Amino acid sequence: MTLYIATNNAHKVKELAELFPGIPLRTPADAGIEFDHDETEDSFLGNSLGKARALFGLVKAPVLADDSGLCVDALGGAPGVRSARYGSPDDGRTVLSARDKNELLLREMEGRRDRTCRFVCAMTLMLSEHRFVTVQETCEGRLLESSRGAEGFGYDPVFFLPGEGLSMAELSLERKNRLSHRGRAAARILAVLASLPD
């Protein structure tokens, strides 16, 4: 089964390809479609389902969508669903680089003792307009005081996994895919795909 993935983010495309080995993945661009769905919901689940429905309406074929981000307890769950647009003006045209977002986050957290946080991923597999599965997974950690590591993307360099003694950006891709929020969600979606009749 070929899945259309509701993203144009090259980093996410690469990560999803690793998480769904042997399953052909196509981006909207591969189908000649311009796809830029506004993430207007106040939950990861709402945004994931919204993206899946929007892309399914265009391709009329199985779709995989996810919405994910970092939630920091001391900041009331921020950046949360605004993780991709954190610190950016509301005009929708300017987006900070990952490095700038991380630096902003670390400045906002200066002097705070509670550094608990989690990555959250809501992933939706849409097989038809009325047939879909959505899962939501987390990866618990602590926010570092400075960036560490050169792997991964986004907030990975400032996200520390106490059980590993490493930041997410210091993990091998194989290890990250086993532990991460997106990796855990993908494992559940893969189990659903494996249960489908040929």
Protein backbone atom coordinates (compact mmCIF):
# COMPACT_ATOMS: atom_id res chain seq x y z
CA MET A 1 0.00 0.00 0.00
CA THR A 2 1.29 3.44 -0.95
CA LEU A 3 0.73 6.17 1.61
CA TYR A 4 0.58 9.88 0.88
CA ILE A 5 2.22 11.78 3.72
CA ALA A 6 0.77 15.13 4.70
CA THR A 7 4.05 17.03 4.93
CA ASN A 8 6.59 18.85 2.81
CA ASN A 9 9.18 18.91 5.62
CA ALA A 10 12.28 17.14 4.28
CA HIS A 11 13.45 16.13 7.77
CA LYS A 12 10.07 14.58 8.57
CA VAL A 13 9.91 12.81 5.18
CA LYS A 14 13.30 11.22 5.89
CA GLU A 15 12.28 10.17 9.40
CA LEU A 16 8.97 8.69 8.22
CA ALA A 17 10.77 6.72 5.49
CA GLU A 18 12.94 5.14 8.22
CA LEU A 19 9.90 4.41 10.40
CA PHE A 20 7.86 2.79 7.61
CA PRO A 21 10.40 0.57 5.81
CA GLY A 22 9.08 -1.21 2.74
CA ILE A 23 6.01 1.03 2.51
CA PRO A 24 6.08 3.43 -0.45
CA LEU A 25 5.57 6.99 0.79
CA ARG A 26 4.60 9.84 -1.52
CA THR A 27 4.56 13.52 -0.69
CA PRO A 28 1.94 15.92 -2.04
CA ALA A 29 4.68 17.33 -4.30
CA ASP A 30 5.23 13.84 -5.76
CA ALA A 31 1.60 13.97 -6.90
CA GLY A 32 1.98 17.50 -8.27
CA ILE A 33 -0.12 18.93 -5.45
CA GLU A 34 0.61 22.08 -3.49
CA PHE A 35 -0.32 21.24 0.07
CA ASP A 36 -0.04 23.64 2.97
CA HIS A 37 -2.71 22.94 5.56
CA ASP A 38 -3.18 25.58 8.26
CA GLU A 39 -2.77 24.03 11.72
CA THR A 40 -5.54 25.94 13.47
CA GLU A 41 -6.66 23.36 16.05
CA ASP A 42 -5.71 23.59 19.72
CA SER A 43 -4.56 19.96 19.96
CA PHE A 44 -2.10 17.70 18.19
CA LEU A 45 -4.95 15.28 17.54
CA GLY A 46 -7.08 17.96 15.88
CA ASN A 47 -4.24 19.11 13.63
CA SER A 48 -3.24 15.57 12.65
CA LEU A 49 -6.79 14.62 11.72
CA GLY A 50 -7.31 17.93 9.92
CA LYS A 51 -4.22 17.43 7.76
CA ALA A 52 -5.19 13.83 6.98
CA ARG A 53 -8.70 14.82 5.92
CA ALA A 54 -7.46 17.72 3.81
CA LEU A 55 -4.91 15.65 1.90
CA PHE A 56 -7.28 12.69 1.51
CA GLY A 57 -9.76 15.06 -0.09
CA LEU A 58 -7.16 15.88 -2.73
CA VAL A 59 -5.61 12.46 -3.44
CA LYS A 60 -8.51 10.08 -2.65
CA ALA A 61 -5.96 7.50 -1.50
CA PRO A 62 -4.55 6.34 1.86
CA VAL A 63 -2.95 9.17 3.82
CA LEU A 64 -0.58 9.37 6.78
CA ALA A 65 -0.47 12.62 8.75
CA ASP A 66 1.07 13.64 12.00
CA ASP A 67 1.28 16.67 14.22
CA SER A 68 3.93 16.80 16.85
CA GLY A 69 5.74 19.16 19.14
CA LEU A 70 7.40 19.86 22.44
CA CYS A 71 5.44 20.57 25.63
CA VAL A 72 7.33 22.13 28.56
CA ASP A 73 5.57 21.92 31.91
CA ALA A 74 7.05 25.13 33.37
CA LEU A 75 5.71 27.04 30.35
CA GLY A 76 2.18 25.72 30.68
CA GLY A 77 2.69 23.21 27.87
CA ALA A 78 4.26 25.66 25.41
CA PRO A 79 5.45 25.61 22.68
CA GLY A 80 2.87 22.81 22.22
CA VAL A 81 0.88 22.92 18.99
CA ARG A 82 2.78 26.08 18.06
CA SER A 83 6.15 24.27 18.16
CA ALA A 84 6.83 24.81 14.45
CA ARG A 85 5.88 28.50 14.69
CA TYR A 86 7.28 29.19 18.17
CA GLY A 87 8.50 32.74 18.56
CA SER A 88 7.37 33.71 15.06
CA PRO A 89 5.07 36.62 14.21
CA ASP A 90 1.43 35.69 13.60
CA ASP A 91 1.67 36.79 9.96
CA GLY A 92 2.46 33.20 8.99
CA ARG A 93 5.26 34.29 6.63
CA THR A 94 8.24 34.35 8.97
CA VAL A 95 9.38 31.23 10.83
CA LEU A 96 12.39 31.15 13.13
CA SER A 97 15.16 28.66 12.41
CA ALA A 98 15.40 25.62 14.67
CA ARG A 99 18.48 27.10 16.29
CA ASP A 100 16.69 30.38 17.01
CA LYS A 101 13.67 28.58 18.45
CA ASN A 102 15.91 26.53 20.73
CA GLU A 103 17.78 29.62 21.91
CA LEU A 104 14.50 31.42 22.60
CA LEU A 105 13.19 28.45 24.56
CA LEU A 106 16.36 28.21 26.65
CA ARG A 107 16.21 31.95 27.42
CA GLU A 108 12.59 31.62 28.57
CA MET A 109 13.59 28.74 30.81
CA GLU A 110 16.58 30.46 32.44
CA GLY A 111 16.49 30.03 36.21
CA ARG A 112 13.57 27.59 36.21
CA ARG A 113 14.11 24.43 38.23
CA ASP A 114 11.24 22.39 36.77
CA ARG A 115 12.56 21.32 33.37
CA THR A 116 10.25 18.37 32.74
CA CYS A 117 8.93 18.20 29.21
CA ARG A 118 7.74 15.78 26.59
CA PHE A 119 7.56 15.35 22.87
CA VAL A 120 4.03 14.53 21.67
CA CYS A 121 3.03 12.99 18.34
CA ALA A 122 -0.51 12.44 17.09
CA MET A 123 -0.48 10.29 13.95
CA THR A 124 -3.45 9.56 11.70
CA LEU A 125 -3.83 6.83 9.10
CA MET A 126 -6.78 7.65 6.84
CA LEU A 127 -7.93 4.82 4.58
CA SER A 128 -11.20 6.38 3.46
CA GLU A 129 -13.35 9.35 4.40
CA HIS A 130 -14.99 7.42 7.23
CA ARG A 131 -12.24 4.92 8.06
CA PHE A 132 -9.23 6.13 9.98
CA VAL A 133 -7.07 5.41 13.00
CA THR A 134 -5.36 8.03 15.16
CA VAL A 135 -2.80 7.34 17.87
CA GLN A 136 -1.02 9.72 20.20
CA GLU A 137 2.29 8.93 21.88
CA THR A 138 4.79 10.79 24.03
CA CYS A 139 8.46 10.71 24.92
CA GLU A 140 9.23 12.07 28.37
CA GLY A 141 12.38 14.03 29.12
CA ARG A 142 13.97 17.15 30.56
CA LEU A 143 14.95 20.40 28.91
CA LEU A 144 18.69 20.97 28.82
CA GLU A 145 20.33 24.30 29.62
CA SER A 146 22.27 24.29 26.35
CA SER A 147 22.11 22.41 23.05
CA ARG A 148 23.87 19.06 22.67
CA GLY A 149 24.34 16.85 19.62
CA ALA A 150 24.19 17.22 15.86
CA GLU A 151 21.70 14.54 14.85
CA GLY A 152 17.92 14.88 14.51
CA PHE A 153 16.19 18.18 13.95
CA GLY A 154 13.95 20.73 15.62
CA TYR A 155 14.10 20.63 19.42
CA ASP A 156 16.16 17.41 19.56
CA PRO A 157 19.38 19.16 20.74
CA VAL A 158 17.70 20.61 23.87
CA PHE A 159 15.69 17.49 24.81
CA PHE A 160 17.43 15.22 27.32
CA LEU A 161 16.52 11.58 27.91
CA PRO A 162 17.51 10.73 31.51
CA GLY A 163 17.37 6.99 30.85
CA GLU A 164 19.89 7.32 28.02
CA GLY A 165 22.05 10.09 29.48
CA LEU A 166 21.93 11.74 26.05
CA SER A 167 20.02 14.41 24.21
CA MET A 168 17.70 13.30 21.42
CA ALA A 169 20.24 14.80 18.99
CA GLU A 170 22.99 12.54 20.36
CA LEU A 171 21.14 9.30 19.66
CA SER A 172 21.71 7.13 16.62
CA LEU A 173 18.79 7.22 14.20
CA GLU A 174 17.96 3.61 15.02
CA ARG A 175 17.83 4.32 18.75
CA LYS A 176 15.84 7.53 18.26
CA ASN A 177 13.26 5.71 16.13
CA ARG A 178 12.78 3.19 18.93
CA LEU A 179 12.38 5.76 21.72
CA SER A 180 10.84 8.85 20.15
CA HIS A 181 7.24 9.97 20.22
CA ARG A 182 7.01 9.62 16.44
CA GLY A 183 8.68 6.21 16.52
CA ARG A 184 6.20 4.93 19.11
CA ALA A 185 3.23 6.29 17.18
CA ALA A 186 4.56 4.79 13.95
CA ALA A 187 4.90 1.36 15.60
CA ARG A 188 1.20 1.44 16.47
CA ILE A 189 0.23 2.52 12.95
CA LEU A 190 2.43 -0.25 11.49
CA ALA A 191 0.55 -2.78 13.64
CA VAL A 192 -2.74 -1.52 12.16
CA LEU A 193 -1.35 -1.75 8.62
CA ALA A 194 -0.14 -5.30 9.29
CA SER A 195 -3.65 -6.31 10.39
CA LEU A 196 -5.31 -5.11 7.19
CA PRO A 197 -6.34 -7.73 4.62
CA ASP A 198 -4.25 -7.80 1.46
